[in-house]
Amino acid sequence: MSEPTHCSYLSVFFTSLACSTIGSAFDIPTLGSSILDAKILYILYLMKETLRCSIYRFENIKKYQLEMVKLLETRDSGGYVFYYYTPSRVASYVFTVVFAICTIYLTYQIVRIATSRRRRSMVPKKKLTRYLCMMIPLWVGCIMEIVGYIGRLISANDITSLGPFIIQSVALLVAPTLFAATIYMSLGELVRTLQAPEKSIVSLKYLTKLFVAGDVVSFLLQGSGGGMASSNPSIGRLLIIAGLFVQILFFGMFCVTESTFYIRMEHKPNSISQSGEAFPNKFVNWRSYCYVLFNSSMLILVRSIYRAIEFIQGESGSIARNQTLLYLFDSAMMSVAVILLLAFNIPDYLVLHEGKFGDTSESAGIMDYDDNKDTSF
């Protein structure tokens, strides 16, 4: 037999009320007393609902207290505490969706360029492949961001679970190093496209190799440290800090290199840069290309400094305890950096520029350029 619902109690109440009115009018005592039964029945119903809500709240409070007790026991025993808060479901959902949209749009850009007959006719197949492969680290980085925020969503249900914590920790730590790889390669391709290797303070022969090598070292250190965060916290923390400082060092060098290249191009432009000042339009050109690379780099640099301070303080530090800072200085900044790169569509610009102005860089030996560098501004 099913339990009476709120509506059924109300039906009994109003039926009894009607019977009571009729009983009073016609002097029928049985009907007159039914209103008292209905009142008692309805009061019992309200008491039952109040008790049910109280039990539900008590169970939630008890669950939260058990989680806090477990967390404090872990901390007091010298163990590694995963979170000092419950990860926000709303923020995790938002950034999962943001990076999913970015991944889908980047996939669309790559497929569109690869399947366009017009664009394939503008550049050699090998070079087109190189332009598109340059975006693969960015694509993989977006996937890792998605995986990381899914891990935080799972952790929101159980902050003491090891698996989701390791997943989100490693994925969110190393994803920006993949964004950096795309940025480093993009500068090298711009220098080649503008045929201006003499404007770079780092030889074009080593420009991409140097920064990508530093990025790989940073990736391995941070990835290893993130994986050891629970099994060997002290060593894992040191590896992560070392990886972040390597990233900060190379990003600082990159920002100087990119800024110097831009200043020199502005001060002494060559014929290619002058011809392409407003190509393909006044908003998308080699200058805005440099702006996008610089701003994206600065966002990742600030994020790396924030993360380095977080791990230097340790898991019990004020930064690690405040998830709002994570979403502001990591999630939001990485979202903006990726959106900037996607909005410019770097490989499409490189293809269209070469289709318009041609490319004599490889035949002129610019790929291996090393001598007679113009170091003046």
Protein backbone atom coordinates (compact mmCIF):
# COMPACT_ATOMS: atom_id res chain seq x y z
CA MET A 1 0.00 0.00 0.00
CA SER A 2 1.48 3.38 -1.05
CA GLU A 3 2.15 6.12 1.50
CA PRO A 4 -0.45 8.95 1.50
CA THR A 5 0.76 12.06 -0.26
CA HIS A 6 0.37 15.70 0.63
CA CYS A 7 -2.62 15.94 -1.74
CA SER A 8 -4.34 12.92 -0.18
CA TYR A 9 -4.03 14.44 3.29
CA LEU A 10 -5.50 17.68 2.03
CA SER A 11 -8.34 15.78 0.34
CA VAL A 12 -9.17 14.04 3.59
CA PHE A 13 -8.99 17.35 5.43
CA PHE A 14 -11.36 19.21 3.10
CA THR A 15 -13.71 16.23 2.84
CA SER A 16 -13.88 16.06 6.63
CA LEU A 17 -14.42 19.80 6.80
CA ALA A 18 -17.37 19.48 4.40
CA CYS A 19 -18.76 16.58 6.44
CA SER A 20 -18.36 18.61 9.63
CA THR A 21 -20.30 21.53 8.14
CA ILE A 22 -23.07 19.23 6.98
CA GLY A 23 -23.09 17.43 10.35
CA SER A 24 -23.40 20.71 12.24
CA ALA A 25 -26.25 21.86 9.99
CA PHE A 26 -28.22 18.63 10.30
CA ASP A 27 -27.09 17.78 13.85
CA ILE A 28 -25.18 14.60 12.87
CA PRO A 29 -22.49 14.08 15.60
CA THR A 30 -20.43 11.50 13.61
CA LEU A 31 -19.80 13.90 10.77
CA GLY A 32 -19.13 16.75 13.16
CA SER A 33 -16.28 14.89 14.88
CA SER A 34 -14.49 14.02 11.61
CA ILE A 35 -12.94 17.49 11.35
CA LEU A 36 -10.98 16.80 14.54
CA ASP A 37 -9.63 13.58 13.00
CA ALA A 38 -8.64 15.45 9.84
CA LYS A 39 -6.83 18.13 11.84
CA ILE A 40 -4.94 15.51 13.78
CA LEU A 41 -4.11 13.66 10.54
CA TYR A 42 -2.79 16.79 8.88
CA ILE A 43 -0.75 17.80 11.93
CA LEU A 44 0.80 14.31 11.95
CA TYR A 45 1.62 14.72 8.27
CA LEU A 46 3.39 18.05 8.90
CA MET A 47 5.31 16.50 11.80
CA LYS A 48 6.39 13.61 9.59
CA GLU A 49 7.62 15.97 6.82
CA THR A 50 9.51 18.11 9.31
CA LEU A 51 11.14 15.00 10.76
CA ARG A 52 12.05 13.74 7.27
CA CYS A 53 13.71 17.07 6.31
CA SER A 54 15.57 17.12 9.62
CA ILE A 55 16.89 13.59 9.06
CA TYR A 56 18.01 14.53 5.51
CA ARG A 57 19.85 17.59 6.80
CA PHE A 58 21.38 15.59 9.63
CA GLU A 59 22.65 12.95 7.20
CA ASN A 60 24.27 15.63 5.00
CA ILE A 61 25.86 17.28 8.02
CA LYS A 62 27.06 13.91 9.26
CA LYS A 63 28.57 13.11 5.84
CA TYR A 64 30.37 16.48 5.77
CA GLN A 65 31.63 15.97 9.35
CA LEU A 66 32.97 12.53 8.47
CA GLU A 67 34.84 14.01 5.49
CA MET A 68 36.30 16.74 7.68
CA VAL A 69 37.30 14.22 10.37
CA LYS A 70 39.00 12.07 7.74
CA LEU A 71 40.78 15.14 6.34
CA LEU A 72 41.95 16.26 9.80
CA GLU A 73 43.13 12.74 10.68
CA THR A 74 45.15 12.67 7.46
CA ARG A 75 46.65 16.08 8.21
CA ASP A 76 47.44 15.27 11.86
CA SER A 77 49.10 11.99 10.90
CA GLY A 78 51.43 13.84 8.54
CA GLY A 79 49.69 12.51 5.43
CA TYR A 80 49.01 14.45 2.24
CA VAL A 81 45.72 16.36 2.17
CA PHE A 82 44.15 16.43 -1.30
CA TYR A 83 41.82 19.39 -0.79
CA TYR A 84 41.06 21.83 1.99
CA TYR A 85 37.76 22.58 0.26
CA THR A 86 35.16 20.86 -1.91
CA PRO A 87 35.88 21.62 -5.60
CA SER A 88 33.18 23.81 -7.14
CA ARG A 89 30.90 21.83 -9.44
CA VAL A 90 29.67 24.96 -11.22
CA ALA A 91 33.18 26.24 -12.04
CA SER A 92 34.30 22.78 -13.13
CA TYR A 93 31.29 22.44 -15.44
CA VAL A 94 31.89 25.91 -16.90
CA PHE A 95 35.55 25.34 -17.75
CA THR A 96 34.88 21.81 -19.02
CA VAL A 97 32.40 23.31 -21.48
CA VAL A 98 34.73 26.21 -22.39
CA PHE A 99 37.64 23.93 -23.27
CA ALA A 100 35.34 21.46 -25.02
CA ILE A 101 34.10 24.27 -27.29
CA CYS A 102 37.70 25.37 -27.91
CA THR A 103 38.68 21.79 -28.81
CA ILE A 104 35.79 21.42 -31.23
CA TYR A 105 36.52 24.78 -32.88
CA LEU A 106 40.25 24.03 -33.18
CA THR A 107 39.42 20.67 -34.77
CA TYR A 108 37.16 22.48 -37.23
CA GLN A 109 39.95 24.94 -38.11
CA ILE A 110 42.48 22.17 -38.74
CA VAL A 111 40.08 20.07 -40.83
CA ARG A 112 38.92 23.10 -42.81
CA ILE A 113 42.48 24.10 -43.77
CA ALA A 114 43.52 20.52 -44.49
CA THR A 115 40.56 19.86 -46.80
CA SER A 116 40.45 23.25 -48.57
CA ARG A 117 41.64 22.90 -52.17
CA ARG A 118 42.39 26.61 -52.37
CA ARG A 119 44.65 26.56 -49.32
CA ARG A 120 46.34 23.32 -50.30
CA SER A 121 47.24 24.91 -53.63
CA MET A 122 48.93 27.87 -51.90
CA VAL A 123 51.71 26.01 -50.07
CA PRO A 124 53.65 22.76 -50.52
CA LYS A 125 52.13 19.76 -48.81
CA LYS A 126 55.07 19.36 -46.43
CA LYS A 127 54.82 22.95 -45.24
CA LEU A 128 51.03 22.78 -44.85
CA THR A 129 51.47 19.68 -42.71
CA ARG A 130 54.02 21.54 -40.59
CA TYR A 131 51.63 24.44 -40.03
CA LEU A 132 48.82 22.11 -38.98
CA CYS A 133 51.01 19.89 -36.78
CA MET A 134 52.07 23.06 -34.97
CA MET A 135 48.53 23.21 -33.53
CA ILE A 136 48.47 19.62 -32.24
CA PRO A 137 50.06 20.48 -28.85
CA LEU A 138 47.38 23.15 -28.38
CA TRP A 139 44.68 20.58 -29.21
CA VAL A 140 46.12 18.01 -26.78
CA GLY A 141 46.42 20.70 -24.11
CA CYS A 142 42.71 21.51 -24.46
CA ILE A 143 41.87 17.82 -24.08
CA MET A 144 43.98 17.67 -20.89
CA GLU A 145 42.17 20.71 -19.51
CA ILE A 146 38.85 18.93 -20.11
CA VAL A 147 40.14 15.79 -18.37
CA GLY A 148 41.42 17.88 -15.47
CA TYR A 149 38.09 19.60 -14.83
CA ILE A 150 36.22 16.31 -15.14
CA GLY A 151 38.57 15.04 -12.43
CA ARG A 152 37.59 18.01 -10.24
CA LEU A 153 33.91 17.24 -10.87
CA ILE A 154 34.46 13.68 -9.63
CA SER A 155 36.46 14.96 -6.65
CA ALA A 156 33.51 17.17 -5.69
CA ASN A 157 31.67 13.96 -4.72
CA ASP A 158 34.56 12.59 -2.65
CA ILE A 159 37.47 14.87 -1.72
CA THR A 160 39.42 11.93 -0.25
CA SER A 161 39.49 9.89 -3.48
CA LEU A 162 43.04 9.52 -4.86
CA GLY A 163 42.34 8.78 -8.55
CA PRO A 164 40.41 11.93 -9.50
CA PHE A 165 42.84 14.08 -7.51
CA ILE A 166 45.86 12.72 -9.40
CA ILE A 167 44.06 13.12 -12.74
CA GLN A 168 43.12 16.77 -12.19
CA SER A 169 46.46 17.62 -10.59
CA VAL A 170 48.60 16.29 -13.45
CA ALA A 171 46.31 17.35 -16.31
CA LEU A 172 45.87 20.95 -15.15
CA LEU A 173 49.56 21.28 -14.33
CA VAL A 174 50.99 20.18 -17.68
CA ALA A 175 48.35 21.45 -20.13
CA PRO A 176 49.84 25.00 -20.34
CA THR A 177 53.23 23.56 -21.33
CA LEU A 178 51.51 22.18 -24.43
CA PHE A 179 50.00 25.59 -25.17
CA ALA A 180 53.52 27.00 -24.84
CA ALA A 181 54.88 24.56 -27.44
CA THR A 182 52.42 25.88 -30.03
CA ILE A 183 53.33 29.48 -29.15
CA TYR A 184 57.08 28.79 -29.48
CA MET A 185 56.68 27.15 -32.88
CA SER A 186 54.39 29.95 -34.04
CA LEU A 187 57.09 32.59 -33.53
CA GLY A 188 59.59 30.57 -35.54
CA GLU A 189 57.11 30.26 -38.40
CA LEU A 190 56.41 34.02 -38.35
CA VAL A 191 60.13 34.82 -38.56
CA ARG A 192 60.41 32.51 -41.58
CA THR A 193 57.27 33.88 -43.21
CA LEU A 194 58.44 37.50 -42.91
CA GLN A 195 61.92 36.42 -44.01
CA ALA A 196 63.49 38.35 -41.15
CA PRO A 197 65.83 36.02 -39.23
CA GLU A 198 68.27 38.88 -38.64
CA LYS A 199 65.65 40.56 -36.41
CA SER A 200 65.67 37.70 -33.89
CA ILE A 201 68.16 37.74 -31.01
CA VAL A 202 68.15 33.92 -31.13
CA SER A 203 69.29 32.26 -34.35
CA LEU A 204 66.35 30.95 -36.34
CA LYS A 205 68.18 27.64 -36.55
CA TYR A 206 67.82 27.21 -32.79
CA LEU A 207 64.81 29.43 -32.02
CA THR A 208 62.10 26.76 -31.95
CA LYS A 209 64.41 23.97 -30.79
CA LEU A 210 65.64 25.92 -27.76
CA PHE A 211 62.26 26.88 -26.38
CA VAL A 212 60.54 23.58 -27.17
CA ALA A 213 63.41 21.72 -25.46
CA GLY A 214 62.88 23.83 -22.33
CA ASP A 215 59.15 23.16 -22.61
CA VAL A 216 59.73 19.39 -22.75
CA VAL A 217 61.92 19.54 -19.62
CA SER A 218 59.22 21.56 -17.82
CA PHE A 219 56.53 19.11 -18.97
CA LEU A 220 58.45 16.07 -17.69
CA LEU A 221 59.27 17.66 -14.34
CA GLN A 222 55.73 18.85 -13.67
CA GLY A 223 54.16 15.60 -14.90
CA SER A 224 56.46 13.48 -12.73
CA GLY A 225 55.90 15.72 -9.72
CA GLY A 226 52.13 15.66 -10.14
CA GLY A 227 52.15 11.86 -10.30
CA MET A 228 54.18 11.66 -7.09
CA ALA A 229 52.03 14.20 -5.22
CA SER A 230 50.39 11.58 -3.00
CA SER A 231 52.99 8.79 -2.82
CA ASN A 232 55.98 11.04 -2.13
CA PRO A 233 54.67 14.58 -1.51
CA SER A 234 57.98 16.27 -0.70
CA ILE A 235 59.82 15.00 -3.80
CA GLY A 236 56.76 15.55 -5.99
CA ARG A 237 56.44 19.13 -4.76
CA LEU A 238 60.10 19.87 -5.48
CA LEU A 239 59.80 18.44 -9.01
CA ILE A 240 56.72 20.55 -9.71
CA ILE A 241 58.42 23.71 -8.42
CA ALA A 242 61.50 22.96 -10.54
CA GLY A 243 59.32 22.40 -13.62
CA LEU A 244 57.45 25.66 -13.03
CA PHE A 245 60.68 27.62 -12.63
CA VAL A 246 62.01 26.11 -15.86
CA GLN A 247 58.78 27.22 -17.55
CA ILE A 248 59.05 30.71 -16.05
CA LEU A 249 62.69 31.00 -17.18
CA PHE A 250 62.00 29.97 -20.77
CA PHE A 251 58.82 32.05 -21.01
CA GLY A 252 60.73 35.07 -19.76
CA MET A 253 63.39 34.48 -22.43
CA PHE A 254 60.70 33.97 -25.04
CA CYS A 255 58.90 37.21 -24.16
CA VAL A 256 62.19 39.11 -24.50
CA THR A 257 62.91 37.41 -27.85
CA GLU A 258 59.43 38.05 -29.22
CA SER A 259 59.35 41.66 -28.02
CA THR A 260 62.78 42.37 -29.50
CA PHE A 261 61.74 40.89 -32.83
CA TYR A 262 58.62 43.06 -32.91
CA ILE A 263 60.51 46.26 -32.00
CA ARG A 264 63.15 45.61 -34.66
CA MET A 265 60.50 44.92 -37.28
CA GLU A 266 58.75 48.16 -36.40
CA HIS A 267 62.00 50.13 -36.42
CA LYS A 268 63.46 48.68 -39.64
CA PRO A 269 60.71 46.83 -41.54
CA ASN A 270 61.61 44.79 -44.60
CA SER A 271 59.67 44.67 -47.85
CA ILE A 272 57.64 41.63 -46.79
CA SER A 273 56.43 43.19 -43.53
CA GLN A 274 55.65 46.49 -45.27
CA SER A 275 53.63 44.73 -47.97
CA GLY A 276 51.73 42.70 -45.38
CA GLU A 277 50.97 45.49 -42.92
CA ALA A 278 47.24 45.19 -43.55
CA PHE A 279 47.10 41.62 -44.84
CA PRO A 280 44.65 39.94 -44.82
CA ASN A 281 43.03 42.93 -43.07
CA LYS A 282 43.82 45.69 -40.59
CA PHE A 283 42.89 43.47 -37.63
CA VAL A 284 44.62 40.27 -38.74
CA ASN A 285 48.23 40.88 -39.79
CA TRP A 286 51.78 40.23 -38.60
CA ARG A 287 51.47 42.86 -35.86
CA SER A 288 48.34 41.29 -34.35
CA TYR A 289 50.10 37.92 -34.75
CA CYS A 290 52.84 39.24 -32.43
CA TYR A 291 50.26 40.70 -30.02
CA VAL A 292 48.48 37.35 -29.73
CA LEU A 293 51.73 35.46 -29.06
CA PHE A 294 52.92 38.01 -26.50
CA ASN A 295 49.63 38.28 -24.61
CA SER A 296 49.14 34.50 -24.55
CA SER A 297 52.70 34.10 -23.29
CA MET A 298 52.19 36.66 -20.54
CA LEU A 299 49.02 34.92 -19.39
CA ILE A 300 50.83 31.58 -19.13
CA LEU A 301 53.79 33.28 -17.42
CA VAL A 302 51.56 34.86 -14.75
CA ARG A 303 49.80 31.53 -14.26
CA SER A 304 53.16 29.74 -13.83
CA ILE A 305 54.28 32.30 -11.22
CA TYR A 306 51.00 31.81 -9.35
CA ARG A 307 51.41 28.02 -9.42
CA ALA A 308 55.03 28.25 -8.29
CA ILE A 309 54.03 30.34 -5.26
CA GLU A 310 51.22 27.88 -4.52
CA PHE A 311 53.57 24.88 -4.41
CA ILE A 312 56.27 26.77 -2.51
CA GLN A 313 53.69 27.49 0.22
CA GLY A 314 52.59 23.85 0.19
CA GLU A 315 49.19 22.20 0.27
CA SER A 316 48.31 23.90 3.55
CA GLY A 317 49.21 27.39 2.30
CA SER A 318 46.72 30.21 1.88
CA ILE A 319 46.76 29.94 -1.94
CA ALA A 320 46.16 26.18 -2.03
CA ARG A 321 43.22 26.60 0.37
CA ASN A 322 41.50 29.16 -1.87
CA GLN A 323 40.03 27.61 -5.01
CA THR A 324 38.82 31.01 -6.26
CA LEU A 325 42.45 31.93 -6.96
CA LEU A 326 42.89 28.71 -8.95
CA TYR A 327 39.94 29.50 -11.20
CA LEU A 328 41.08 33.12 -11.60
CA PHE A 329 44.84 32.72 -12.17
CA ASP A 330 44.81 29.32 -13.87
CA SER A 331 41.45 28.40 -15.40
CA ALA A 332 40.38 31.86 -16.60
CA MET A 333 43.83 32.86 -17.85
CA MET A 334 44.35 29.64 -19.77
CA SER A 335 40.89 29.98 -21.30
CA VAL A 336 41.71 33.49 -22.55
CA ALA A 337 45.12 32.38 -23.87
CA VAL A 338 43.55 29.57 -25.89
CA ILE A 339 40.72 31.77 -27.17
CA LEU A 340 43.26 34.36 -28.38
CA LEU A 341 45.18 31.72 -30.33
CA LEU A 342 42.00 30.31 -31.85
CA ALA A 343 40.60 33.73 -32.75
CA PHE A 344 43.71 34.59 -34.78
CA ASN A 345 43.89 31.17 -36.50
CA ILE A 346 47.67 31.10 -36.93
CA PRO A 347 48.00 28.32 -39.56
CA ASP A 348 45.40 29.96 -41.80
CA TYR A 349 47.27 33.28 -41.63
CA LEU A 350 50.57 31.58 -42.57
CA VAL A 351 48.96 29.78 -45.53
CA LEU A 352 47.22 32.92 -46.83
CA HIS A 353 50.36 35.04 -46.40
CA GLU A 354 52.48 32.65 -48.41
CA GLY A 355 49.76 32.35 -51.05
CA LYS A 356 49.78 36.15 -51.39
CA PHE A 357 53.49 36.98 -51.18
CA GLY A 358 55.17 33.66 -51.89
CA ASP A 359 58.09 32.24 -49.89
CA THR A 360 61.73 32.23 -50.81
CA SER A 361 62.99 31.54 -47.30
CA GLU A 362 64.04 27.94 -47.80
CA SER A 363 65.64 28.52 -51.19
CA ALA A 364 67.51 31.52 -49.73
CA GLY A 365 68.85 29.45 -46.85
CA ILE A 366 66.82 31.17 -44.14
CA MET A 367 66.02 27.83 -42.51
CA ASP A 368 69.70 27.58 -41.47
CA TYR A 369 70.41 31.27 -41.15
CA ASP A 370 73.10 32.01 -38.59
CA ASP A 371 75.56 34.64 -39.84
CA ASN A 372 75.55 38.38 -40.53
CA LYS A 373 72.81 39.07 -38.02
CA ASP A 374 71.57 42.63 -37.68
CA THR A 375 71.53 43.24 -33.93
CA SER A 376 70.61 46.91 -34.11
CA PHE A 377 67.19 48.21 -33.17
